Amino acid sequence: DLFEGATFADLQRPDAPQVVINATDLGTGGRFPFIQGAF
């Protein structure tokens, strides 16, 4: 209903900012960013 099947590949528009979505790793309590380096 909101993102219509979009993946992170769809964020790679030439005029788009980089979007860093952050979660928390429950096992460590540390921040986990959804970025290529972390993946």
Full PDB file with SEQRES, HELIX, SHEET, SSBOND, CRYST1, ORIGX, SCALE, CONECT and MASTER records, all heavy atoms in Angstrom:
SEQRES   1 A   39  ASP LEU PHE GLU GLY ALA THR PHE ALA ASP LEU GLN ARG          
SEQRES   2 A   39  PRO ASP ALA PRO GLN VAL VAL ILE ASN ALA THR ASP LEU          
SEQRES   3 A   39  GLY THR GLY GLY ARG PHE PRO PHE ILE GLN GLY ALA PHE          
HELIX    1 AA1 PHE A    8  LEU A   11  5                                   4    
SHEET    1 AA1 2 ASN A  22  THR A  24  0                                        
SHEET    2 AA1 2 ARG A  31  PRO A  33 -1                                        
CRYST1    1.000    1.000    1.000  90.00  90.00  90.00 P 1           1          
ORIGX1      1.000000  0.000000  0.000000        0.00000                         
ORIGX2      0.000000  1.000000  0.000000        0.00000                         
ORIGX3      0.000000  0.000000  1.000000        0.00000                         
SCALE1      1.000000  0.000000  0.000000        0.00000                         
SCALE2      0.000000  1.000000  0.000000        0.00000                         
SCALE3      0.000000  0.000000  1.000000        0.00000                         
ATOM      1  N   ASP A   1       0.781  -1.228   0.000  1.00  0.00           N  
ATOM      2  CA  ASP A   1       0.000   0.000   0.000  1.00  0.00           C  
ATOM      3  C   ASP A   1       0.820   1.289   0.000  1.00  0.00           C  
ATOM      4  O   ASP A   1       0.273   2.354  -0.266  1.00  0.00           O  
ATOM      5  CB  ASP A   1      -0.936   0.024   1.218  1.00  0.00           C  
ATOM      6  CG  ASP A   1      -2.153  -0.861   1.034  1.00  0.00           C  
ATOM      7  OD1 ASP A   1      -1.966  -2.007   0.631  1.00  0.00           O  
ATOM      8  OD2 ASP A   1      -3.278  -0.405   1.301  1.00  0.00           O  
ATOM      9  N   LEU A   2       2.127   1.202   0.312  1.00  0.00           N  
ATOM     10  CA  LEU A   2       2.923   2.428   0.398  1.00  0.00           C  
ATOM     11  C   LEU A   2       4.102   2.424  -0.567  1.00  0.00           C  
ATOM     12  O   LEU A   2       4.302   3.389  -1.303  1.00  0.00           O  
ATOM     13  CB  LEU A   2       3.402   2.621   1.838  1.00  0.00           C  
ATOM     14  CG  LEU A   2       4.029   3.976   2.176  1.00  0.00           C  
ATOM     15  CD1 LEU A   2       3.016   5.100   1.983  1.00  0.00           C  
ATOM     16  CD2 LEU A   2       4.557   3.978   3.613  1.00  0.00           C  
ATOM     17  N   PHE A   3       4.879   1.356  -0.582  1.00  0.00           N  
ATOM     18  CA  PHE A   3       6.107   1.341  -1.386  1.00  0.00           C  
ATOM     19  C   PHE A   3       5.980   0.546  -2.681  1.00  0.00           C  
ATOM     20  O   PHE A   3       6.891   0.549  -3.507  1.00  0.00           O  
ATOM     21  CB  PHE A   3       7.264   0.800  -0.550  1.00  0.00           C  
ATOM     22  CG  PHE A   3       7.576   1.650   0.662  1.00  0.00           C  
ATOM     23  CD1 PHE A   3       7.361   1.163   1.938  1.00  0.00           C  
ATOM     24  CD2 PHE A   3       8.044   2.938   0.511  1.00  0.00           C  
ATOM     25  CE1 PHE A   3       7.621   1.938   3.053  1.00  0.00           C  
ATOM     26  CE2 PHE A   3       8.318   3.732   1.615  1.00  0.00           C  
ATOM     27  CZ  PHE A   3       8.105   3.236   2.892  1.00  0.00           C  
ATOM     28  N   GLU A   4       4.873  -0.152  -2.853  1.00  0.00           N  
ATOM     29  CA  GLU A   4       4.547  -0.825  -4.118  1.00  0.00           C  
ATOM     30  C   GLU A   4       5.677  -1.718  -4.629  1.00  0.00           C  
ATOM     31  O   GLU A   4       6.051  -1.678  -5.794  1.00  0.00           O  
ATOM     32  CB  GLU A   4       4.185   0.224  -5.183  1.00  0.00           C  
ATOM     33  CG  GLU A   4       2.964   1.059  -4.802  1.00  0.00           C  
ATOM     34  CD  GLU A   4       2.679   2.162  -5.797  1.00  0.00           C  
ATOM     35  OE1 GLU A   4       3.628   2.628  -6.458  1.00  0.00           O  
ATOM     36  OE2 GLU A   4       1.503   2.536  -5.929  1.00  0.00           O  
ATOM     37  N   GLY A   5       6.207  -2.541  -3.734  1.00  0.00           N  
ATOM     38  CA  GLY A   5       7.209  -3.521  -4.127  1.00  0.00           C  
ATOM     39  C   GLY A   5       8.597  -2.968  -4.368  1.00  0.00           C  
ATOM     40  O   GLY A   5       9.469  -3.689  -4.883  1.00  0.00           O  
ATOM     41  N   ALA A   6       8.863  -1.735  -3.995  1.00  0.00           N  
ATOM     42  CA  ALA A   6      10.168  -1.116  -4.258  1.00  0.00           C  
ATOM     43  C   ALA A   6      11.269  -1.767  -3.426  1.00  0.00           C  
ATOM     44  O   ALA A   6      11.054  -2.211  -2.300  1.00  0.00           O  
ATOM     45  CB  ALA A   6      10.107   0.379  -3.959  1.00  0.00           C  
ATOM     46  N   THR A   7      12.456  -1.824  -4.003  1.00  0.00           N  
ATOM     47  CA  THR A   7      13.643  -2.316  -3.310  1.00  0.00           C  
ATOM     48  C   THR A   7      14.659  -1.185  -3.222  1.00  0.00           C  
ATOM     49  O   THR A   7      14.440  -0.085  -3.758  1.00  0.00           O  
ATOM     50  CB  THR A   7      14.265  -3.503  -4.050  1.00  0.00           C  
ATOM     51  OG1 THR A   7      14.766  -3.046  -5.331  1.00  0.00           O  
ATOM     52  CG2 THR A   7      13.241  -4.609  -4.277  1.00  0.00           C  
ATOM     53  N   PHE A   8      15.793  -1.458  -2.591  1.00  0.00           N  
ATOM     54  CA  PHE A   8      16.817  -0.418  -2.466  1.00  0.00           C  
ATOM     55  C   PHE A   8      17.406  -0.037  -3.825  1.00  0.00           C  
ATOM     56  O   PHE A   8      17.956   1.061  -3.966  1.00  0.00           O  
ATOM     57  CB  PHE A   8      17.911  -0.869  -1.501  1.00  0.00           C  
ATOM     58  CG  PHE A   8      17.568  -0.596  -0.066  1.00  0.00           C  
ATOM     59  CD1 PHE A   8      16.751  -1.450   0.646  1.00  0.00           C  
ATOM     60  CD2 PHE A   8      18.036   0.549   0.566  1.00  0.00           C  
ATOM     61  CE1 PHE A   8      16.415  -1.193   1.965  1.00  0.00           C  
ATOM     62  CE2 PHE A   8      17.699   0.825   1.885  1.00  0.00           C  
ATOM     63  CZ  PHE A   8      16.895  -0.041   2.598  1.00  0.00           C  
ATOM     64  N   ALA A   9      17.293  -0.891  -4.782  1.00  0.00           N  
ATOM     65  CA  ALA A   9      17.756  -0.537  -6.127  1.00  0.00           C  
ATOM     66  C   ALA A   9      16.956   0.630  -6.680  1.00  0.00           C  
ATOM     67  O   ALA A   9      17.475   1.434  -7.470  1.00  0.00           O  
ATOM     68  CB  ALA A   9      17.641  -1.749  -7.053  1.00  0.00           C  
ATOM     69  N   ASP A  10      15.697   0.760  -6.264  1.00  0.00           N  
ATOM     70  CA  ASP A  10      14.844   1.833  -6.760  1.00  0.00           C  
ATOM     71  C   ASP A  10      15.185   3.188  -6.151  1.00  0.00           C  
ATOM     72  O   ASP A  10      14.671   4.220  -6.599  1.00  0.00           O  
ATOM     73  CB  ASP A  10      13.373   1.503  -6.482  1.00  0.00           C  
ATOM     74  CG  ASP A  10      12.906   0.260  -7.230  1.00  0.00           C  
ATOM     75  OD1 ASP A  10      13.096   0.222  -8.452  1.00  0.00           O  
ATOM     76  OD2 ASP A  10      12.372  -0.659  -6.585  1.00  0.00           O  
ATOM     77  N   LEU A  11      16.035   3.201  -5.134  1.00  0.00           N  
ATOM     78  CA  LEU A  11      16.456   4.475  -4.538  1.00  0.00           C  
ATOM     79  C   LEU A  11      17.603   5.118  -5.303  1.00  0.00           C  
ATOM     80  O   LEU A  11      17.980   6.252  -5.004  1.00  0.00           O  
ATOM     81  CB  LEU A  11      16.897   4.261  -3.083  1.00  0.00           C  
ATOM     82  CG  LEU A  11      15.822   3.852  -2.072  1.00  0.00           C  
ATOM     83  CD1 LEU A  11      16.456   3.698  -0.689  1.00  0.00           C  
ATOM     84  CD2 LEU A  11      14.700   4.886  -2.015  1.00  0.00           C  
ATOM     85  N   GLN A  12      18.150   4.407  -6.266  1.00  0.00           N  
ATOM     86  CA  GLN A  12      19.330   4.905  -6.974  1.00  0.00           C  
ATOM     87  C   GLN A  12      18.976   5.837  -8.125  1.00  0.00           C  
ATOM     88  O   GLN A  12      19.460   5.692  -9.244  1.00  0.00           O  
ATOM     89  CB  GLN A  12      20.173   3.728  -7.476  1.00  0.00           C  
ATOM     90  CG  GLN A  12      20.546   2.725  -6.396  1.00  0.00           C  
ATOM     91  CD  GLN A  12      21.291   3.366  -5.248  1.00  0.00           C  
ATOM     92  OE1 GLN A  12      22.252   4.101  -5.460  1.00  0.00           O  
ATOM     93  NE2 GLN A  12      20.861   3.101  -4.013  1.00  0.00           N  
ATOM     94  N   ARG A  13      18.113   6.800  -7.856  1.00  0.00           N  
ATOM     95  CA  ARG A  13      17.808   7.811  -8.878  1.00  0.00           C  
ATOM     96  C   ARG A  13      18.935   8.837  -8.925  1.00  0.00           C  
ATOM     97  O   ARG A  13      19.504   9.188  -7.889  1.00  0.00           O  
ATOM     98  CB  ARG A  13      16.492   8.510  -8.549  1.00  0.00           C  
ATOM     99  CG  ARG A  13      15.284   7.604  -8.543  1.00  0.00           C  
ATOM    100  CD  ARG A  13      13.998   8.378  -8.256  1.00  0.00           C  
ATOM    101  NE  ARG A  13      13.978   8.978  -6.930  1.00  0.00           N  
ATOM    102  CZ  ARG A  13      14.131  10.276  -6.680  1.00  0.00           C  
ATOM    103  NH1 ARG A  13      14.330  11.131  -7.679  1.00  0.00           N  
ATOM    104  NH2 ARG A  13      14.085  10.738  -5.447  1.00  0.00           N  
ATOM    105  N   PRO A  14      19.270   9.380 -10.106  1.00  0.00           N  
ATOM    106  CA  PRO A  14      20.382  10.335 -10.201  1.00  0.00           C  
ATOM    107  C   PRO A  14      20.222  11.560  -9.309  1.00  0.00           C  
ATOM    108  O   PRO A  14      21.208  12.082  -8.793  1.00  0.00           O  
ATOM    109  CB  PRO A  14      20.368  10.719 -11.690  1.00  0.00           C  
ATOM    110  CG  PRO A  14      19.736   9.556 -12.371  1.00  0.00           C  
ATOM    111  CD  PRO A  14      18.709   9.045 -11.418  1.00  0.00           C  
ATOM    112  N   ASP A  15      18.987  12.041  -9.131  1.00  0.00           N  
ATOM    113  CA  ASP A  15      18.788  13.255  -8.356  1.00  0.00           C  
ATOM    114  C   ASP A  15      18.346  12.972  -6.924  1.00  0.00           C  
ATOM    115  O   ASP A  15      17.980  13.891  -6.193  1.00  0.00           O  
ATOM    116  CB  ASP A  15      17.734  14.148  -9.033  1.00  0.00           C  
ATOM    117  CG  ASP A  15      16.393  13.438  -9.193  1.00  0.00           C  
ATOM    118  OD1 ASP A  15      16.376  12.195  -9.156  1.00  0.00           O  
ATOM    119  OD2 ASP A  15      15.369  14.124  -9.362  1.00  0.00           O  
ATOM    120  N   ALA A  16      18.398  11.712  -6.500  1.00  0.00           N  
ATOM    121  CA  ALA A  16      17.923  11.353  -5.165  1.00  0.00           C  
ATOM    122  C   ALA A  16      19.051  11.457  -4.146  1.00  0.00           C  
ATOM    123  O   ALA A  16      20.215  11.185  -4.450  1.00  0.00           O  
ATOM    124  CB  ALA A  16      17.360   9.935  -5.163  1.00  0.00           C  
ATOM    125  N   PRO A  17      18.726  11.834  -2.916  1.00  0.00           N  
ATOM    126  CA  PRO A  17      19.744  11.788  -1.856  1.00  0.00           C  
ATOM    127  C   PRO A  17      19.989  10.351  -1.438  1.00  0.00           C  
ATOM    128  O   PRO A  17      19.184   9.459  -1.728  1.00  0.00           O  
ATOM    129  CB  PRO A  17      19.088  12.586  -0.722  1.00  0.00           C  
ATOM    130  CG  PRO A  17      17.627  12.354  -0.915  1.00  0.00           C  
ATOM    131  CD  PRO A  17      17.428  12.302  -2.415  1.00  0.00           C  
ATOM    132  N   GLN A  18      21.096  10.114  -0.774  1.00  0.00           N  
ATOM    133  CA  GLN A  18      21.310   8.800  -0.190  1.00  0.00           C  
ATOM    134  C   GLN A  18      20.429   8.697   1.050  1.00  0.00           C  
ATOM    135  O   GLN A  18      20.417   9.591   1.895  1.00  0.00           O  
ATOM    136  CB  GLN A  18      22.768   8.591   0.203  1.00  0.00           C  
ATOM    137  CG  GLN A  18      23.023   7.229   0.832  1.00  0.00           C  
ATOM    138  CD  GLN A  18      24.445   7.068   1.326  1.00  0.00           C  
ATOM    139  OE1 GLN A  18      25.297   7.912   1.087  1.00  0.00           O  
ATOM    140  NE2 GLN A  18      24.710   5.958   2.011  1.00  0.00           N  
ATOM    141  N   VAL A  19      19.680   7.622   1.169  1.00  0.00           N  
ATOM    142  CA  VAL A  19      18.800   7.406   2.311  1.00  0.00           C  
ATOM    143  C   VAL A  19      19.382   6.284   3.162  1.00  0.00           C  
ATOM    144  O   VAL A  19      19.586   5.169   2.676  1.00  0.00           O  
ATOM    145  CB  VAL A  19      17.370   7.043   1.864  1.00  0.00           C  
ATOM    146  CG1 VAL A  19      16.502   6.703   3.076  1.00  0.00           C  
ATOM    147  CG2 VAL A  19      16.758   8.195   1.077  1.00  0.00           C  
ATOM    148  N   VAL A  20      19.665   6.593   4.420  1.00  0.00           N  
ATOM    149  CA  VAL A  20      20.211   5.615   5.363  1.00  0.00           C  
ATOM    150  C   VAL A  20      19.127   5.308   6.396  1.00  0.00           C  
ATOM    151  O   VAL A  20      18.841   6.136   7.270  1.00  0.00           O  
ATOM    152  CB  VAL A  20      21.477   6.130   6.065  1.00  0.00           C  
ATOM    153  CG1 VAL A  20      22.029   5.068   7.014  1.00  0.00           C  
ATOM    154  CG2 VAL A  20      22.527   6.541   5.039  1.00  0.00           C  
ATOM    155  N   ILE A  21      18.517   4.141   6.275  1.00  0.00           N  
ATOM    156  CA  ILE A  21      17.502   3.714   7.234  1.00  0.00           C  
ATOM    157  C   ILE A  21      18.196   2.908   8.328  1.00  0.00           C  
ATOM    158  O   ILE A  21      18.946   1.971   8.035  1.00  0.00           O  
ATOM    159  CB  ILE A  21      16.423   2.864   6.536  1.00  0.00           C  
ATOM    160  CG1 ILE A  21      15.700   3.719   5.490  1.00  0.00           C  
ATOM    161  CG2 ILE A  21      15.427   2.299   7.539  1.00  0.00           C  
ATOM    162  CD1 ILE A  21      14.742   2.936   4.626  1.00  0.00           C  
ATOM    163  N   ASN A  22      17.959   3.275   9.575  1.00  0.00           N  
ATOM    164  CA  ASN A  22      18.671   2.663  10.695  1.00  0.00           C  
ATOM    165  C   ASN A  22      17.739   1.833  11.566  1.00  0.00           C  
ATOM    166  O   ASN A  22      16.640   2.276  11.917  1.00  0.00           O  
ATOM    167  CB  ASN A  22      19.320   3.744  11.554  1.00  0.00           C  
ATOM    168  CG  ASN A  22      20.351   4.552  10.796  1.00  0.00           C  
ATOM    169  OD1 ASN A  22      21.476   4.113  10.601  1.00  0.00           O  
ATOM    170  ND2 ASN A  22      19.965   5.749  10.354  1.00  0.00           N  
ATOM    171  N   ALA A  23      18.194   0.636  11.901  1.00  0.00           N  
ATOM    172  CA  ALA A  23      17.502  -0.225  12.855  1.00  0.00           C  
ATOM    173  C   ALA A  23      18.476  -0.517  13.997  1.00  0.00           C  
ATOM    174  O   ALA A  23      19.603  -0.019  14.015  1.00  0.00           O  
ATOM    175  CB  ALA A  23      17.039  -1.507  12.185  1.00  0.00           C  
ATOM    176  N   THR A  24      18.050  -1.327  14.945  1.00  0.00           N  
ATOM    177  CA  THR A  24      18.905  -1.735  16.060  1.00  0.00           C  
ATOM    178  C   THR A  24      19.022  -3.251  16.062  1.00  0.00           C  
ATOM    179  O   THR A  24      18.022  -3.961  15.959  1.00  0.00           O  
ATOM    180  CB  THR A  24      18.320  -1.278  17.408  1.00  0.00           C  
ATOM    181  OG1 THR A  24      18.228   0.151  17.429  1.00  0.00           O  
ATOM    182  CG2 THR A  24      19.200  -1.731  18.567  1.00  0.00           C  
ATOM    183  N   ASP A  25      20.250  -3.733  16.144  1.00  0.00           N  
ATOM    184  CA  ASP A  25      20.491  -5.172  16.231  1.00  0.00           C  
ATOM    185  C   ASP A  25      20.178  -5.612  17.657  1.00  0.00           C  
ATOM    186  O   ASP A  25      20.879  -5.241  18.606  1.00  0.00           O  
ATOM    187  CB  ASP A  25      21.943  -5.476  15.877  1.00  0.00           C  
ATOM    188  CG  ASP A  25      22.278  -6.962  15.932  1.00  0.00           C  
ATOM    189  OD1 ASP A  25      21.411  -7.756  16.354  1.00  0.00           O  
ATOM    190  OD2 ASP A  25      23.411  -7.327  15.572  1.00  0.00           O  
ATOM    191  N   LEU A  26      19.118  -6.390  17.815  1.00  0.00           N  
ATOM    192  CA  LEU A  26      18.683  -6.803  19.148  1.00  0.00           C  
ATOM    193  C   LEU A  26      19.744  -7.634  19.856  1.00  0.00           C  
ATOM    194  O   LEU A  26      19.842  -7.615  21.085  1.00  0.00           O  
ATOM    195  CB  LEU A  26      17.384  -7.613  19.035  1.00  0.00           C  
ATOM    196  CG  LEU A  26      16.627  -7.935  20.328  1.00  0.00           C  
ATOM    197  CD1 LEU A  26      16.224  -6.660  21.043  1.00  0.00           C  
ATOM    198  CD2 LEU A  26      15.397  -8.786  20.030  1.00  0.00           C  
ATOM    199  N   GLY A  27      20.575  -8.343  19.106  1.00  0.00           N  
ATOM    200  CA  GLY A  27      21.594  -9.193  19.712  1.00  0.00           C  
ATOM    201  C   GLY A  27      22.763  -8.439  20.298  1.00  0.00           C  
ATOM    202  O   GLY A  27      23.440  -8.935  21.203  1.00  0.00           O  
ATOM    203  N   THR A  28      23.034  -7.235  19.789  1.00  0.00           N  
ATOM    204  CA  THR A  28      24.177  -6.457  20.265  1.00  0.00           C  
ATOM    205  C   THR A  28      23.787  -5.112  20.862  1.00  0.00           C  
ATOM    206  O   THR A  28      24.571  -4.505  21.588  1.00  0.00           O  
ATOM    207  CB  THR A  28      25.160  -6.193  19.112  1.00  0.00           C  
ATOM    208  OG1 THR A  28      24.521  -5.370  18.122  1.00  0.00           O  
ATOM    209  CG2 THR A  28      25.600  -7.496  18.455  1.00  0.00           C  
ATOM    210  N   GLY A  29      22.583  -4.628  20.537  1.00  0.00           N  
ATOM    211  CA  GLY A  29      22.176  -3.306  20.975  1.00  0.00           C  
ATOM    212  C   GLY A  29      22.755  -2.203  20.123  1.00  0.00           C  
ATOM    213  O   GLY A  29      22.537  -1.018  20.392  1.00  0.00           O  
ATOM    214  N   GLY A  30      23.508  -2.574  19.074  1.00  0.00           N  
ATOM    215  CA  GLY A  30      24.141  -1.584  18.218  1.00  0.00           C  
ATOM    216  C   GLY A  30      23.275  -1.173  17.048  1.00  0.00           C  
ATOM    217  O   GLY A  30      22.336  -1.867  16.665  1.00  0.00           O  
ATOM    218  N   ARG A  31      23.617  -0.021  16.470  1.00  0.00           N  
ATOM    219  CA  ARG A  31      22.892   0.488  15.308  1.00  0.00           C  
ATOM    220  C   ARG A  31      23.238  -0.337  14.088  1.00  0.00           C  
ATOM    221  O   ARG A  31      24.392  -0.667  13.846  1.00  0.00           O  
ATOM    222  CB  ARG A  31      23.281   1.954  15.075  1.00  0.00           C  
ATOM    223  CG  ARG A  31      22.551   2.642  13.920  1.00  0.00           C  
ATOM    224  CD  ARG A  31      23.028   4.088  13.790  1.00  0.00           C  
ATOM    225  NE  ARG A  31      24.433   4.131  13.403  1.00  0.00           N  
ATOM    226  CZ  ARG A  31      24.863   4.190  12.144  1.00  0.00           C  
ATOM    227  NH1 ARG A  31      24.000   4.194  11.151  1.00  0.00           N  
ATOM    228  NH2 ARG A  31      26.151   4.255  11.874  1.00  0.00           N  
ATOM    229  N   PHE A  32      22.218  -0.686  13.292  1.00  0.00           N  
ATOM    230  CA  PHE A  32      22.450  -1.387  12.036  1.00  0.00           C  
ATOM    231  C   PHE A  32      21.851  -0.566  10.907  1.00  0.00           C  
ATOM    232  O   PHE A  32      20.629  -0.429  10.802  1.00  0.00           O  
ATOM    233  CB  PHE A  32      21.825  -2.783  12.040  1.00  0.00           C  
ATOM    234  CG  PHE A  32      22.126  -3.557  10.778  1.00  0.00           C  
ATOM    235  CD1 PHE A  32      23.291  -4.298  10.660  1.00  0.00           C  
ATOM    236  CD2 PHE A  32      21.258  -3.515   9.695  1.00  0.00           C  
ATOM    237  CE1 PHE A  32      23.577  -4.995   9.488  1.00  0.00           C  
ATOM    238  CE2 PHE A  32      21.541  -4.199   8.523  1.00  0.00           C  
ATOM    239  CZ  PHE A  32      22.702  -4.940   8.423  1.00  0.00           C  
ATOM    240  N   PRO A  33      22.708   0.012  10.043  1.00  0.00           N  
ATOM    241  CA  PRO A  33      22.200   0.812   8.923  1.00  0.00           C  
ATOM    242  C   PRO A  33      21.981  -0.037   7.682  1.00  0.00           C  
ATOM    243  O   PRO A  33      22.760  -0.955   7.383  1.00  0.00           O  
ATOM    244  CB  PRO A  33      23.342   1.817   8.697  1.00  0.00           C  
ATOM    245  CG  PRO A  33      24.572   1.051   9.073  1.00  0.00           C  
ATOM    246  CD  PRO A  33      24.173   0.092  10.165  1.00  0.00           C  
ATOM    247  N   PHE A  34      20.919   0.254   6.959  1.00  0.00           N  
ATOM    248  CA  PHE A  34      20.664  -0.429   5.691  1.00  0.00           C  
ATOM    249  C   PHE A  34      21.444   0.288   4.601  1.00  0.00           C  
ATOM    250  O   PHE A  34      20.904   1.092   3.836  1.00  0.00           O  
ATOM    251  CB  PHE A  34      19.171  -0.450   5.389  1.00  0.00           C  
ATOM    252  CG  PHE A  34      18.406  -1.453   6.208  1.00  0.00           C  
ATOM    253  CD1 PHE A  34      17.989  -1.141   7.487  1.00  0.00           C  
ATOM    254  CD2 PHE A  34      18.120  -2.720   5.705  1.00  0.00           C  
ATOM    255  CE1 PHE A  34      17.298  -2.067   8.258  1.00  0.00           C  
ATOM    256  CE2 PHE A  34      17.429  -3.652   6.458  1.00  0.00           C  
ATOM    257  CZ  PHE A  34      17.023  -3.327   7.753  1.00  0.00           C  
ATOM    258  N   ILE A  35      22.739  -0.018   4.545  1.00  0.00           N  
ATOM    259  CA  ILE A  35      23.626   0.532   3.524  1.00  0.00           C  
ATOM    260  C   ILE A  35      24.439  -0.612   2.932  1.00  0.00           C  
ATOM    261  O   ILE A  35      24.539  -1.689   3.524  1.00  0.00           O  
ATOM    262  CB  ILE A  35      24.565   1.625   4.095  1.00  0.00           C  
ATOM    263  CG1 ILE A  35      25.419   1.052   5.231  1.00  0.00           C  
ATOM    264  CG2 ILE A  35      23.773   2.827   4.575  1.00  0.00           C  
ATOM    265  CD1 ILE A  35      26.447   2.030   5.765  1.00  0.00           C  
ATOM    266  N   GLN A  36      25.051  -0.368   1.792  1.00  0.00           N  
ATOM    267  CA  GLN A  36      25.778  -1.425   1.110  1.00  0.00           C  
ATOM    268  C   GLN A  36      26.920  -1.964   1.953  1.00  0.00           C  
ATOM    269  O   GLN A  36      27.163  -3.177   1.999  1.00  0.00           O  
ATOM    270  CB  GLN A  36      26.311  -0.924  -0.228  1.00  0.00           C  
ATOM    271  CG  GLN A  36      26.855  -2.021  -1.115  1.00  0.00           C  
ATOM    272  CD  GLN A  36      25.784  -3.034  -1.480  1.00  0.00           C  
ATOM    273  OE1 GLN A  36      24.793  -2.676  -2.099  1.00  0.00           O  
ATOM    274  NE2 GLN A  36      25.953  -4.274  -1.080  1.00  0.00           N  
ATOM    275  N   GLY A  37      27.632  -1.075   2.654  1.00  0.00           N  
ATOM    276  CA  GLY A  37      28.761  -1.518   3.460  1.00  0.00           C  
ATOM    277  C   GLY A  37      28.365  -2.524   4.518  1.00  0.00           C  
ATOM    278  O   GLY A  37      29.073  -3.511   4.756  1.00  0.00           O  
ATOM    279  N   ALA A  38      27.235  -2.290   5.179  1.00  0.00           N  
ATOM    280  CA  ALA A  38      26.768  -3.209   6.219  1.00  0.00           C  
ATOM    281  C   ALA A  38      26.334  -4.540   5.611  1.00  0.00           C  
ATOM    282  O   ALA A  38      26.602  -5.613   6.164  1.00  0.00           O  
ATOM    283  CB  ALA A  38      25.613  -2.575   6.993  1.00  0.00           C  
ATOM    284  N   PHE A  39      25.669  -4.481   4.468  1.00  0.00           N  
ATOM    285  CA  PHE A  39      25.229  -5.708   3.808  1.00  0.00           C  
ATOM    286  C   PHE A  39      26.405  -6.494   3.235  1.00  0.00           C  
ATOM    287  O   PHE A  39      26.356  -7.721   3.157  1.00  0.00           O  
ATOM    288  CB  PHE A  39      24.204  -5.394   2.720  1.00  0.00           C  
ATOM    289  CG  PHE A  39      22.782  -5.437   3.202  1.00  0.00           C  
ATOM    290  CD1 PHE A  39      22.345  -4.613   4.226  1.00  0.00           C  
ATOM    291  CD2 PHE A  39      21.874  -6.322   2.641  1.00  0.00           C  
ATOM    292  CE1 PHE A  39      21.045  -4.656   4.687  1.00  0.00           C  
ATOM    293  CE2 PHE A  39      20.557  -6.381   3.093  1.00  0.00           C  
ATOM    294  CZ  PHE A  39      20.143  -5.542   4.124  1.00  0.00           C  
TER     295      PHE A  39                                                      
MASTER        0    0    0    1    2    0    0    6  294    1    0    3          
END                                                                             
